[in-house]
Amino acid sequence: MSFFVGLFMGVALAIVVLAFLAIDAYRRGYEEAAAGRRMWRAELAARHAARAALATRHVARAAS
C-alpha cells in the first residue's frame, strides 16, 4: 500500500514540476518572440524611412 502512495506522490510532484517548467518555457518563448518583433518592427521602419528618402530625392531630381 505504501508503494502506491509513494508512486502517487512522485507522479503528483512530477506533474507540478513539469507544469512550472512548461509555464517558464512559454514565458521565455513569448519574450523572445516579442523581442524579435520589436527588432523586425525597427528594421521595417528603417526600410520605410530609407525608401521615403529615396522617393523624395527622386521626385526632387525630376522636378529640377
N, C-alpha and C. Protein backbone atom coordinates (compact mmCIF):
# COMPACT_ATOMS: atom_id res chain seq x y z
N MET A 1 0.83 -1.20 0.00
CA MET A 1 0.00 0.00 0.00
C MET A 1 0.87 1.25 0.00
N SER A 2 1.93 1.28 0.80
CA SER A 2 2.77 2.47 0.88
C SER A 2 3.51 2.70 -0.45
N PHE A 3 3.74 1.62 -1.21
CA PHE A 3 4.38 1.77 -2.52
C PHE A 3 3.50 2.61 -3.44
N PHE A 4 2.22 2.34 -3.44
CA PHE A 4 1.30 3.07 -4.31
C PHE A 4 1.14 4.52 -3.87
N VAL A 5 1.18 4.75 -2.58
CA VAL A 5 1.11 6.12 -2.06
C VAL A 5 2.36 6.89 -2.50
N GLY A 6 3.51 6.27 -2.37
CA GLY A 6 4.75 6.89 -2.79
C GLY A 6 4.77 7.14 -4.30
N LEU A 7 4.29 6.17 -5.05
CA LEU A 7 4.21 6.32 -6.50
C LEU A 7 3.28 7.47 -6.87
N PHE A 8 2.15 7.52 -6.21
CA PHE A 8 1.19 8.61 -6.48
C PHE A 8 1.79 9.96 -6.13
N MET A 9 2.48 10.05 -5.00
CA MET A 9 3.10 11.31 -4.60
C MET A 9 4.19 11.71 -5.59
N GLY A 10 4.97 10.75 -6.06
CA GLY A 10 6.02 11.03 -7.04
C GLY A 10 5.45 11.53 -8.35
N VAL A 11 4.37 10.90 -8.80
CA VAL A 11 3.74 11.34 -10.05
C VAL A 11 3.15 12.73 -9.87
N ALA A 12 2.53 13.00 -8.75
CA ALA A 12 1.95 14.32 -8.50
C ALA A 12 3.04 15.40 -8.46
N LEU A 13 4.14 15.09 -7.81
CA LEU A 13 5.26 16.04 -7.76
C LEU A 13 5.83 16.28 -9.15
N ALA A 14 5.98 15.23 -9.94
CA ALA A 14 6.49 15.36 -11.31
C ALA A 14 5.57 16.22 -12.16
N ILE A 15 4.27 16.08 -12.00
CA ILE A 15 3.31 16.89 -12.76
C ILE A 15 3.44 18.36 -12.38
N VAL A 16 3.58 18.63 -11.10
CA VAL A 16 3.73 20.02 -10.65
C VAL A 16 5.01 20.63 -11.20
N VAL A 17 6.11 19.90 -11.12
CA VAL A 17 7.40 20.40 -11.62
C VAL A 17 7.33 20.63 -13.12
N LEU A 18 6.77 19.70 -13.86
CA LEU A 18 6.65 19.85 -15.31
C LEU A 18 5.74 21.03 -15.68
N ALA A 19 4.72 21.27 -14.90
CA ALA A 19 3.83 22.41 -15.17
C ALA A 19 4.60 23.72 -15.02
N PHE A 20 5.40 23.83 -13.95
CA PHE A 20 6.20 25.05 -13.78
C PHE A 20 7.22 25.21 -14.90
N LEU A 21 7.84 24.12 -15.32
CA LEU A 21 8.80 24.19 -16.42
C LEU A 21 8.12 24.61 -17.72
N ALA A 22 6.94 24.09 -17.96
CA ALA A 22 6.21 24.44 -19.17
C ALA A 22 5.81 25.92 -19.17
N ILE A 23 5.36 26.40 -18.04
CA ILE A 23 4.98 27.82 -17.93
C ILE A 23 6.19 28.71 -18.16
N ASP A 24 7.33 28.36 -17.59
CA ASP A 24 8.55 29.15 -17.76
C ASP A 24 9.02 29.12 -19.21
N ALA A 25 8.94 27.96 -19.86
CA ALA A 25 9.34 27.86 -21.27
C ALA A 25 8.42 28.71 -22.14
N TYR A 26 7.14 28.69 -21.86
CA TYR A 26 6.20 29.51 -22.62
C TYR A 26 6.51 31.00 -22.45
N ARG A 27 6.79 31.40 -21.21
CA ARG A 27 7.11 32.81 -20.93
C ARG A 27 8.37 33.23 -21.67
N ARG A 28 9.41 32.37 -21.61
CA ARG A 28 10.66 32.68 -22.29
C ARG A 28 10.46 32.78 -23.79
N GLY A 29 9.70 31.86 -24.35
CA GLY A 29 9.42 31.89 -25.79
C GLY A 29 8.65 33.14 -26.18
N TYR A 30 7.69 33.53 -25.36
CA TYR A 30 6.91 34.73 -25.65
C TYR A 30 7.80 35.97 -25.63
N GLU A 31 8.69 36.04 -24.63
CA GLU A 31 9.58 37.20 -24.54
C GLU A 31 10.54 37.26 -25.72
N GLU A 32 11.06 36.11 -26.14
CA GLU A 32 11.96 36.08 -27.30
C GLU A 32 11.22 36.49 -28.56
N ALA A 33 10.00 36.03 -28.71
CA ALA A 33 9.22 36.40 -29.89
C ALA A 33 8.90 37.89 -29.88
N ALA A 34 8.59 38.43 -28.72
CA ALA A 34 8.30 39.86 -28.62
C ALA A 34 9.53 40.68 -28.95
N ALA A 35 10.70 40.24 -28.50
CA ALA A 35 11.95 40.95 -28.82
C ALA A 35 12.21 40.87 -30.32
N GLY A 36 11.96 39.72 -30.91
CA GLY A 36 12.14 39.58 -32.36
C GLY A 36 11.20 40.49 -33.13
N ARG A 37 9.97 40.61 -32.65
CA ARG A 37 9.01 41.51 -33.32
C ARG A 37 9.46 42.95 -33.20
N ARG A 38 10.01 43.33 -32.04
CA ARG A 38 10.49 44.70 -31.87
C ARG A 38 11.63 45.00 -32.83
N MET A 39 12.57 44.06 -32.97
CA MET A 39 13.68 44.26 -33.90
C MET A 39 13.18 44.32 -35.34
N TRP A 40 12.24 43.44 -35.67
CA TRP A 40 11.68 43.41 -37.01
C TRP A 40 10.96 44.72 -37.31
N ARG A 41 10.21 45.21 -36.33
CA ARG A 41 9.49 46.47 -36.50
C ARG A 41 10.45 47.63 -36.72
N ALA A 42 11.56 47.67 -35.96
CA ALA A 42 12.56 48.73 -36.12
C ALA A 42 13.19 48.66 -37.51
N GLU A 43 13.51 47.46 -37.96
CA GLU A 43 14.08 47.31 -39.30
C GLU A 43 13.09 47.74 -40.37
N LEU A 44 11.83 47.38 -40.20
CA LEU A 44 10.81 47.77 -41.16
C LEU A 44 10.66 49.28 -41.22
N ALA A 45 10.66 49.92 -40.06
CA ALA A 45 10.56 51.38 -40.02
C ALA A 45 11.77 52.02 -40.70
N ALA A 46 12.96 51.47 -40.49
CA ALA A 46 14.16 52.00 -41.14
C ALA A 46 14.09 51.82 -42.65
N ARG A 47 13.60 50.68 -43.09
CA ARG A 47 13.45 50.46 -44.54
C ARG A 47 12.44 51.43 -45.14
N HIS A 48 11.34 51.66 -44.45
CA HIS A 48 10.33 52.60 -44.94
C HIS A 48 10.90 54.01 -45.01
N ALA A 49 11.67 54.40 -43.99
CA ALA A 49 12.26 55.73 -43.97
C ALA A 49 13.27 55.88 -45.11
N ALA A 50 14.07 54.84 -45.35
CA ALA A 50 15.04 54.90 -46.44
C ALA A 50 14.33 54.97 -47.79
N ARG A 51 13.28 54.23 -47.94
CA ARG A 51 12.53 54.25 -49.20
C ARG A 51 11.89 55.62 -49.41
N ALA A 52 11.35 56.21 -48.35
CA ALA A 52 10.73 57.53 -48.46
C ALA A 52 11.78 58.58 -48.81
N ALA A 53 12.97 58.45 -48.22
CA ALA A 53 14.04 59.40 -48.53
C ALA A 53 14.46 59.27 -49.99
N LEU A 54 14.54 58.04 -50.49
CA LEU A 54 14.89 57.84 -51.89
C LEU A 54 13.81 58.40 -52.81
N ALA A 55 12.55 58.18 -52.44
CA ALA A 55 11.45 58.66 -53.26
C ALA A 55 11.46 60.19 -53.32
N THR A 56 11.71 60.86 -52.21
CA THR A 56 11.73 62.32 -52.21
C THR A 56 12.91 62.83 -53.02
N ARG A 57 14.04 62.15 -52.93
CA ARG A 57 15.21 62.56 -53.70
C ARG A 57 14.93 62.41 -55.18
N HIS A 58 14.25 61.31 -55.54
CA HIS A 58 13.91 61.05 -56.94
C HIS A 58 12.95 62.11 -57.46
N VAL A 59 11.96 62.46 -56.65
CA VAL A 59 10.98 63.49 -57.05
C VAL A 59 11.66 64.85 -57.18
N ALA A 60 12.58 65.16 -56.27
CA ALA A 60 13.30 66.44 -56.30
C ALA A 60 14.15 66.53 -57.55
N ARG A 61 14.80 65.44 -57.95
CA ARG A 61 15.63 65.46 -59.17
C ARG A 61 14.75 65.62 -60.41
N ALA A 62 13.59 64.97 -60.42
CA ALA A 62 12.70 65.04 -61.58
C ALA A 62 12.13 66.45 -61.72
N ALA A 63 11.94 67.15 -60.61
CA ALA A 63 11.37 68.50 -60.66
C ALA A 63 12.40 69.50 -61.15
N SER A 64 13.70 69.25 -60.94
CA SER A 64 14.70 70.24 -61.35
C SER A 64 15.19 70.06 -62.74
